């Protein structure tokens, strides 16, 4: 017996029911659809950041170096201050390293600033101040690795190369229903997926397909696909995601804790005030050539009340900091307790603190103690009506 043919509506209903029974892990990611959804969201929701929409590769390079392992909010003010001081690659190349470190102070990971400076000098000397335009060439420069080279090449020059940072990796793992695994194979999988989604090179008036896509992927991870409590219901590709929530991640290494003590010693010279700082040796493994408050042995401050307590994190260590003031009869005792060599200690005018390379901790402590002026971030100008968001 031949069964009666199904109606079109019945066939469509059966097809939809069958699709609902297909495990999400077996569904294939539709690249063109994903890109359309992502870019529609990005064009209307991208944050206005000072390094977006620029046409100078130097500025793109600077922003990408600053953004390495650093929050966007911390970068914005430093980026603009840096460009006021060094508006061109030539200005950066001609500056002494101490001035570069002074402007960088507070961003941390000072090796980035040193390599940025050395690379600017190299490019000025050997390439007439012109950055290479491909990711392969960029990777040959000091301080520019796989991620940074891809970001500069795509955003500044339109190369069709995928950027994979922590945000992009998280987005792709959740899209494909994978857990976090720190192996070469897992890394290759993420890179392959990212490369499969990147659009072909298309650069024109107001258009940079690859650069826009990479920035949209990073924006999605930074603003919606968060490590904890992702905002899934606002995600433009929620319907295509196989995880729809937090994915399984590896346990993070426990933060270490370390108590440290520092000396604050001030003196008056006429109408000016000076503060005693220690200059770290150029051979120091951590923050060489930077000024800091003189460290004190913990046994030298037992029983004393600190002037300031604060917490300061560097990579995986929380430093519980106490700053002790040297004044009155206790002043000479605390000074003698400083283990630094006399030649490493310098009296510095408090008015010059903003122009010398200070460690981030020293800057934070001196500002909290009102020894150093706090430079307030610039607030965006008030506008009427709805603000426009411009993508790259």
Protein backbone atom coordinates (compact mmCIF):
# COMPACT_ATOMS: atom_id res chain seq x y z
CA UNK A 1 0.00 0.00 0.00
CA UNK A 2 1.36 3.43 -0.93
CA UNK A 3 1.03 6.03 1.80
CA UNK A 4 -0.49 9.39 0.99
CA UNK A 5 2.06 12.15 0.38
CA UNK A 6 2.61 14.50 3.33
CA UNK A 7 1.54 18.10 3.04
CA UNK A 8 4.21 20.80 2.83
CA UNK A 9 3.26 22.03 6.30
CA UNK A 10 3.53 18.55 7.76
CA UNK A 11 6.93 18.02 6.11
CA UNK A 12 8.20 21.35 7.48
CA UNK A 13 6.92 20.47 10.98
CA UNK A 14 8.61 17.07 10.84
CA UNK A 15 11.83 18.67 9.64
CA UNK A 16 11.76 21.19 12.51
CA UNK A 17 11.06 18.41 15.01
CA UNK A 18 13.99 16.39 13.63
CA UNK A 19 16.30 19.43 13.89
CA UNK A 20 15.27 19.94 17.52
CA UNK A 21 16.31 16.34 18.28
CA UNK A 22 19.76 16.82 16.71
CA UNK A 23 22.29 17.37 19.51
CA UNK A 24 23.73 20.87 19.44
CA UNK A 25 27.24 19.43 19.36
CA UNK A 26 26.51 17.90 15.95
CA UNK A 27 25.33 21.14 14.34
CA UNK A 28 27.76 22.93 12.01
CA UNK A 29 28.54 26.61 12.46
CA UNK A 30 27.28 28.65 9.53
CA UNK A 31 30.16 31.10 8.89
CA UNK A 32 28.36 33.65 6.67
CA UNK A 33 25.33 33.76 9.00
CA UNK A 34 27.58 34.11 12.03
CA UNK A 35 29.45 37.03 10.46
CA UNK A 36 26.23 38.82 9.50
CA UNK A 37 24.80 38.53 13.00
CA UNK A 38 28.08 39.53 14.64
CA UNK A 39 28.71 42.57 12.45
CA UNK A 40 25.12 43.84 12.72
CA UNK A 41 25.52 43.80 16.50
CA UNK A 42 29.00 45.33 16.44
CA UNK A 43 28.01 48.25 14.23
CA UNK A 44 25.34 49.34 16.70
CA UNK A 45 26.92 48.32 20.03
CA UNK A 46 30.71 48.76 19.72
CA UNK A 47 32.27 50.93 22.39
CA UNK A 48 33.78 54.23 21.32
CA UNK A 49 37.48 53.76 21.95
CA UNK A 50 40.21 56.26 20.96
CA UNK A 51 42.16 53.76 18.85
CA UNK A 52 39.17 52.79 16.70
CA UNK A 53 38.67 54.53 13.40
CA UNK A 54 42.29 55.68 13.17
CA UNK A 55 44.28 55.42 9.94
CA UNK A 56 47.78 55.58 11.47
CA UNK A 57 49.34 52.09 11.90
CA UNK A 58 51.59 53.50 14.65
CA UNK A 59 48.52 54.21 16.79
CA UNK A 60 47.08 50.76 16.15
CA UNK A 61 50.41 49.19 17.10
CA UNK A 62 50.60 51.27 20.29
CA UNK A 63 47.07 50.37 21.35
CA UNK A 64 47.59 46.65 20.78
CA UNK A 65 50.80 46.62 22.81
CA UNK A 66 49.12 48.52 25.65
CA UNK A 67 46.12 46.19 25.62
CA UNK A 68 48.25 43.09 26.20
CA UNK A 69 47.08 41.70 29.57
CA UNK A 70 45.67 45.11 30.52
CA UNK A 71 42.09 46.30 30.98
CA UNK A 72 40.67 48.70 28.40
CA UNK A 73 39.74 51.24 31.09
CA UNK A 74 43.35 51.41 32.28
CA UNK A 75 44.67 51.81 28.73
CA UNK A 76 42.48 54.69 27.54
CA UNK A 77 44.08 57.48 29.55
CA UNK A 78 47.63 56.14 29.09
CA UNK A 79 47.09 55.82 25.35
CA UNK A 80 46.06 59.44 24.97
CA UNK A 81 48.84 60.71 27.29
CA UNK A 82 51.41 58.66 25.39
CA UNK A 83 50.33 60.12 22.06
CA UNK A 84 50.42 63.66 23.41
CA UNK A 85 54.04 63.04 24.41
CA UNK A 86 55.02 60.88 21.40
CA UNK A 87 52.57 61.63 18.55
CA UNK A 88 54.69 59.87 15.92
CA UNK A 89 57.01 56.92 15.69
CA UNK A 90 59.90 59.32 15.14
CA UNK A 91 59.10 61.21 18.36
CA UNK A 92 59.09 57.91 20.24
CA UNK A 93 62.33 56.73 18.65
CA UNK A 94 64.17 59.96 19.55
CA UNK A 95 63.02 59.97 23.20
CA UNK A 96 65.20 58.65 26.03
CA UNK A 97 63.97 55.40 27.54
CA UNK A 98 63.37 57.04 30.93
CA UNK A 99 60.74 59.37 29.39
CA UNK A 100 58.99 56.43 27.75
CA UNK A 101 58.89 54.51 31.05
CA UNK A 102 57.62 57.60 32.88
CA UNK A 103 54.61 57.91 30.55
CA UNK A 104 54.05 54.14 30.73
CA UNK A 105 54.12 54.14 34.54
CA UNK A 106 50.95 52.61 35.96
CA UNK A 107 50.31 50.22 33.05
CA UNK A 108 52.70 47.56 34.32
CA UNK A 109 54.61 44.97 32.29
CA UNK A 110 57.30 47.56 31.54
CA UNK A 111 59.15 45.26 29.19
CA UNK A 112 56.43 46.13 26.66
CA UNK A 113 57.42 49.80 26.80
CA UNK A 114 61.12 49.03 26.41
CA UNK A 115 60.49 46.79 23.39
CA UNK A 116 58.09 49.32 21.86
CA UNK A 117 60.80 51.95 22.17
CA UNK A 118 63.56 49.73 20.74
CA UNK A 119 61.32 48.66 17.84
CA UNK A 120 60.48 52.28 17.03
CA UNK A 121 64.21 53.05 16.92
CA UNK A 122 64.84 50.05 14.67
CA UNK A 123 62.00 50.91 12.28
CA UNK A 124 63.08 54.56 12.11
CA UNK A 125 66.66 53.55 11.36
CA UNK A 126 66.07 50.61 9.02
CA UNK A 127 62.63 51.15 7.44
CA UNK A 128 62.19 54.95 7.39
CA UNK A 129 59.62 54.67 10.19
CA UNK A 130 57.24 52.39 8.27
CA UNK A 131 55.64 49.37 9.93
CA UNK A 132 55.53 46.12 7.91
CA UNK A 133 52.04 45.47 6.57
CA UNK A 134 51.81 41.67 6.94
CA UNK A 135 51.50 39.56 10.07
CA UNK A 136 54.47 37.42 9.00
CA UNK A 137 56.77 40.46 8.74
CA UNK A 138 55.43 42.04 11.92
CA UNK A 139 56.26 38.91 13.91
CA UNK A 140 59.94 39.42 13.20
CA UNK A 141 59.92 42.62 15.30
CA UNK A 142 60.72 42.66 19.04
CA UNK A 143 57.68 42.52 21.31
CA UNK A 144 55.25 41.53 18.54
CA UNK A 145 53.95 37.98 18.80
CA UNK A 146 51.25 35.97 17.06
CA UNK A 147 48.30 37.84 18.55
CA UNK A 148 49.69 41.37 18.19
CA UNK A 149 50.94 40.80 14.63
CA UNK A 150 47.53 39.53 13.52
CA UNK A 151 45.74 42.43 15.22
CA UNK A 152 47.95 45.09 13.62
CA UNK A 153 47.95 43.45 10.18
CA UNK A 154 44.17 43.09 10.07
CA UNK A 155 43.12 46.34 11.76
CA UNK A 156 45.75 48.65 10.24
CA UNK A 157 46.27 46.96 6.86
CA UNK A 158 43.19 44.79 6.23
CA UNK A 159 45.00 41.44 6.08
CA UNK A 160 42.64 38.47 6.32
CA UNK A 161 44.23 36.88 9.39
CA UNK A 162 42.41 35.82 12.56
CA UNK A 163 43.17 37.32 15.96
CA UNK A 164 42.95 34.95 18.90
CA UNK A 165 43.17 36.47 22.36
CA UNK A 166 41.55 35.26 25.58
CA UNK A 167 38.22 36.82 24.66
CA UNK A 168 38.11 35.25 21.20
CA UNK A 169 39.17 31.86 22.54
CA UNK A 170 36.35 31.92 25.10
CA UNK A 171 33.78 32.86 22.43
CA UNK A 172 34.91 30.07 20.11
CA UNK A 173 35.04 27.40 22.82
CA UNK A 174 31.50 28.23 23.88
CA UNK A 175 30.23 28.40 20.30
CA UNK A 176 31.62 24.94 19.57
CA UNK A 177 30.67 23.42 22.94
CA UNK A 178 34.22 22.73 24.05
CA UNK A 179 35.87 22.86 27.45
CA UNK A 180 39.09 24.72 28.10
CA UNK A 181 42.13 22.50 27.53
CA UNK A 182 45.67 23.86 27.51
CA UNK A 183 47.22 21.65 24.83
CA UNK A 184 48.76 22.32 21.43
CA UNK A 185 45.88 20.45 19.79
CA UNK A 186 43.29 22.58 21.57
CA UNK A 187 45.13 25.74 20.61
CA UNK A 188 45.27 24.58 16.98
CA UNK A 189 41.53 23.85 17.05
CA UNK A 190 40.69 27.38 18.24
CA UNK A 191 43.02 28.93 15.68
CA UNK A 192 41.48 26.84 12.89
CA UNK A 193 37.94 27.87 13.88
CA UNK A 194 38.94 31.52 14.07
CA UNK A 195 40.59 31.36 10.66
CA UNK A 196 37.53 29.68 9.15
CA UNK A 197 35.33 32.58 10.27
CA UNK A 198 37.57 35.46 9.16
CA UNK A 199 36.23 37.19 6.02
CA UNK A 200 38.35 37.69 2.92
CA UNK A 201 40.30 40.91 2.54
CA UNK A 202 37.97 43.78 1.67
CA UNK A 203 39.22 47.29 2.32
CA UNK A 204 37.46 50.42 1.08
CA UNK A 205 35.95 53.68 2.23
CA UNK A 206 34.90 52.98 5.81
CA UNK A 207 35.26 49.23 5.25
CA UNK A 208 37.83 46.81 6.60
CA UNK A 209 36.20 43.39 6.64
CA UNK A 210 38.93 41.45 8.46
CA UNK A 211 39.83 44.20 10.93
CA UNK A 212 36.18 44.89 11.78
CA UNK A 213 35.50 41.17 12.26
CA UNK A 214 38.46 40.70 14.61
CA UNK A 215 37.48 43.72 16.68
CA UNK A 216 33.88 42.49 16.81
CA UNK A 217 34.99 39.08 18.07
CA UNK A 218 37.11 40.66 20.81
CA UNK A 219 34.27 43.07 21.66
CA UNK A 220 31.82 40.21 22.01
CA UNK A 221 34.09 38.43 24.47
CA UNK A 222 34.91 41.59 26.41
CA UNK A 223 31.36 42.88 26.84
CA UNK A 224 28.89 39.96 26.61
CA UNK A 225 30.62 36.56 26.55
CA UNK A 226 32.19 37.23 29.94
CA UNK A 227 34.23 34.66 31.89
CA UNK A 228 31.61 34.65 34.66
CA UNK A 229 27.87 35.24 34.25
CA UNK A 230 27.90 35.85 30.47
CA UNK A 231 25.09 38.04 29.16
CA UNK A 232 23.76 35.35 26.84
CA UNK A 233 20.32 36.83 26.25
CA UNK A 234 21.95 39.91 24.68
CA UNK A 235 24.32 37.88 22.50
CA UNK A 236 23.79 38.27 18.74
CA UNK A 237 24.85 34.65 18.09
CA UNK A 238 23.06 33.04 21.03
CA UNK A 239 20.98 30.84 18.71
CA UNK A 240 24.20 29.43 17.18
CA UNK A 241 25.96 28.74 20.49
CA UNK A 242 26.35 25.15 21.75
CA UNK A 243 27.10 26.15 25.35
CA UNK A 244 24.77 29.05 26.13
CA UNK A 245 26.40 29.87 29.42
CA UNK A 246 29.73 29.33 31.12
CA UNK A 247 31.99 26.62 29.73
CA UNK A 248 34.17 24.24 31.71
CA UNK A 249 37.49 25.87 32.50
CA UNK A 250 40.68 24.70 34.14
CA UNK A 251 41.22 25.61 37.80
CA UNK A 252 43.20 28.81 38.13
CA UNK A 253 46.41 28.90 40.12
CA UNK A 254 45.87 30.21 43.64
CA UNK A 255 46.95 33.79 44.23
CA UNK A 256 50.03 34.10 46.39
CA UNK A 257 50.10 36.57 49.28
CA UNK A 258 53.14 38.52 50.40
CA UNK A 259 53.43 41.26 53.04
CA UNK A 260 55.85 44.09 52.19
CA UNK A 261 56.87 47.34 53.85
CA UNK A 262 58.15 50.62 52.41
CA UNK A 263 59.55 53.86 53.74
CA UNK A 264 58.08 57.30 53.09
CA UNK A 265 60.65 59.96 53.85
CA UNK A 266 60.01 63.61 52.94
CA UNK A 267 62.14 66.68 53.40
CA UNK A 268 61.77 70.40 52.75
CA UNK A 269 64.27 72.46 50.80
CA UNK A 270 63.07 76.02 50.99
CA UNK A 271 59.63 76.07 49.37
CA UNK A 272 59.93 72.69 47.64
CA UNK A 273 59.40 69.17 48.95
CA UNK A 274 61.50 66.11 48.11
CA UNK A 275 60.78 62.43 48.60
CA UNK A 276 63.38 59.67 49.02
CA UNK A 277 63.20 57.02 46.28
CA UNK A 278 65.23 53.97 45.38
CA UNK A 279 66.31 53.39 41.78
CA UNK A 280 66.13 49.72 40.83
CA UNK A 281 69.24 48.43 39.12
CA UNK A 282 69.30 48.08 35.33
CA UNK A 283 70.14 44.40 35.87
CA UNK A 284 67.12 43.77 38.13
CA UNK A 285 64.87 40.96 36.91
CA UNK A 286 61.74 42.92 37.78
CA UNK A 287 61.12 46.54 36.73
CA UNK A 288 64.75 47.53 36.06
CA UNK A 289 65.52 51.23 35.96
CA UNK A 290 62.32 52.18 37.79
CA UNK A 291 61.98 54.32 40.92
CA UNK A 292 60.15 53.02 43.98
CA UNK A 293 59.74 53.81 47.65
CA UNK A 294 62.66 52.25 49.56
CA UNK A 295 61.69 48.74 50.76
CA UNK A 296 62.03 47.98 54.47
CA UNK A 297 62.68 44.62 56.18
CA UNK A 298 59.56 43.44 57.97
CA UNK A 299 61.37 42.99 61.27
CA UNK A 300 62.35 46.68 61.19
CA UNK A 301 58.72 47.80 61.37
CA UNK A 302 57.38 45.44 64.00
CA UNK A 303 55.33 47.35 66.56
CA UNK A 304 55.05 50.44 64.37
CA UNK A 305 51.78 51.79 63.00
CA UNK A 306 51.82 52.25 59.21
CA UNK A 307 50.79 55.50 57.62
CA UNK A 308 49.08 53.62 54.77
CA UNK A 309 47.86 50.10 54.06
CA UNK A 310 46.94 48.92 50.56
CA UNK A 311 46.82 45.84 48.37
CA UNK A 312 48.65 45.68 45.06
CA UNK A 313 48.49 42.75 42.62
CA UNK A 314 51.29 41.80 40.23
CA UNK A 315 50.55 38.75 38.03
CA UNK A 316 49.66 35.95 40.51
CA UNK A 317 50.78 37.67 43.73
CA UNK A 318 48.82 39.94 46.04
CA UNK A 319 51.14 42.28 47.90
CA UNK A 320 49.80 43.53 51.22
CA UNK A 321 51.63 46.81 51.48
CA UNK A 322 52.36 48.94 54.52
CA UNK A 323 54.01 52.35 54.19
CA UNK A 324 55.78 53.78 57.23
CA UNK A 325 56.55 57.47 57.63
CA UNK A 326 59.99 58.59 58.70
CA UNK A 327 59.78 61.66 60.87
CA UNK A 328 60.82 62.84 64.29
CA UNK A 329 63.12 60.71 66.46
CA UNK A 330 62.25 57.51 64.56
CA UNK A 331 63.36 58.94 61.22
CA UNK A 332 67.04 57.96 61.38
CA UNK A 333 66.20 54.49 62.66
CA UNK A 334 63.94 53.72 59.73
CA UNK A 335 66.42 55.18 57.28
CA UNK A 336 69.21 53.00 58.61
CA UNK A 337 66.94 49.95 58.20
CA UNK A 338 66.73 50.48 54.42
CA UNK A 339 68.99 47.80 52.88
CA UNK A 340 69.59 49.69 49.62
CA UNK A 341 73.04 51.05 48.85
CA UNK A 342 73.40 54.79 49.41
CA UNK A 343 74.12 55.33 45.71
CA UNK A 344 70.72 53.83 44.80
CA UNK A 345 68.78 56.33 46.96
CA UNK A 346 67.77 59.66 45.46
CA UNK A 347 65.91 62.72 46.72
CA UNK A 348 63.36 63.65 44.06
CA UNK A 349 61.25 66.78 43.85
CA UNK A 350 57.59 65.87 44.35
CA UNK A 351 56.77 68.18 41.44
CA UNK A 352 58.83 65.88 39.15
CA UNK A 353 57.19 62.61 40.14
CA UNK A 354 55.00 62.61 37.04
CA UNK A 355 58.02 62.79 34.74
CA UNK A 356 60.16 59.93 36.10
CA UNK A 357 59.66 56.16 35.66
CA UNK A 358 57.84 55.14 38.85
CA UNK A 359 56.66 51.62 39.59
CA UNK A 360 52.89 51.25 39.63
CA UNK A 361 52.95 50.52 43.36
CA UNK A 362 55.01 53.64 44.14
CA UNK A 363 52.65 55.76 42.05
CA UNK A 364 49.60 54.32 43.80
CA UNK A 365 51.06 54.85 47.29
CA UNK A 366 52.30 58.38 46.63
CA UNK A 367 48.94 59.40 45.18
CA UNK A 368 47.04 57.88 48.10
CA UNK A 369 49.29 59.83 50.48
CA UNK A 370 48.76 63.09 48.56
CA UNK A 371 52.46 63.35 47.84
CA UNK A 372 51.84 63.03 44.11
CA UNK A 373 49.04 64.72 42.22
CA UNK A 374 46.29 62.50 40.84
CA UNK A 375 45.53 63.11 37.18
CA UNK A 376 41.82 62.62 36.72
CA UNK A 377 40.66 60.88 33.53
CA UNK A 378 38.92 62.98 30.92
CA UNK A 379 35.19 62.48 30.83
CA UNK A 380 33.42 62.39 27.45
CA UNK A 381 31.65 65.59 26.49
CA UNK A 382 27.91 65.58 27.08
CA UNK A 383 25.88 65.27 23.93
CA UNK A 384 22.20 65.64 23.18
CA UNK A 385 20.25 62.90 21.56
CA UNK A 386 21.53 59.41 20.84
CA UNK A 387 25.29 59.00 20.47
CA UNK A 388 26.58 57.42 17.30
CA UNK A 389 28.98 54.50 17.56
CA UNK A 390 31.45 54.26 14.71
CA UNK A 391 33.15 50.98 13.88
CA UNK A 392 36.54 50.82 12.23
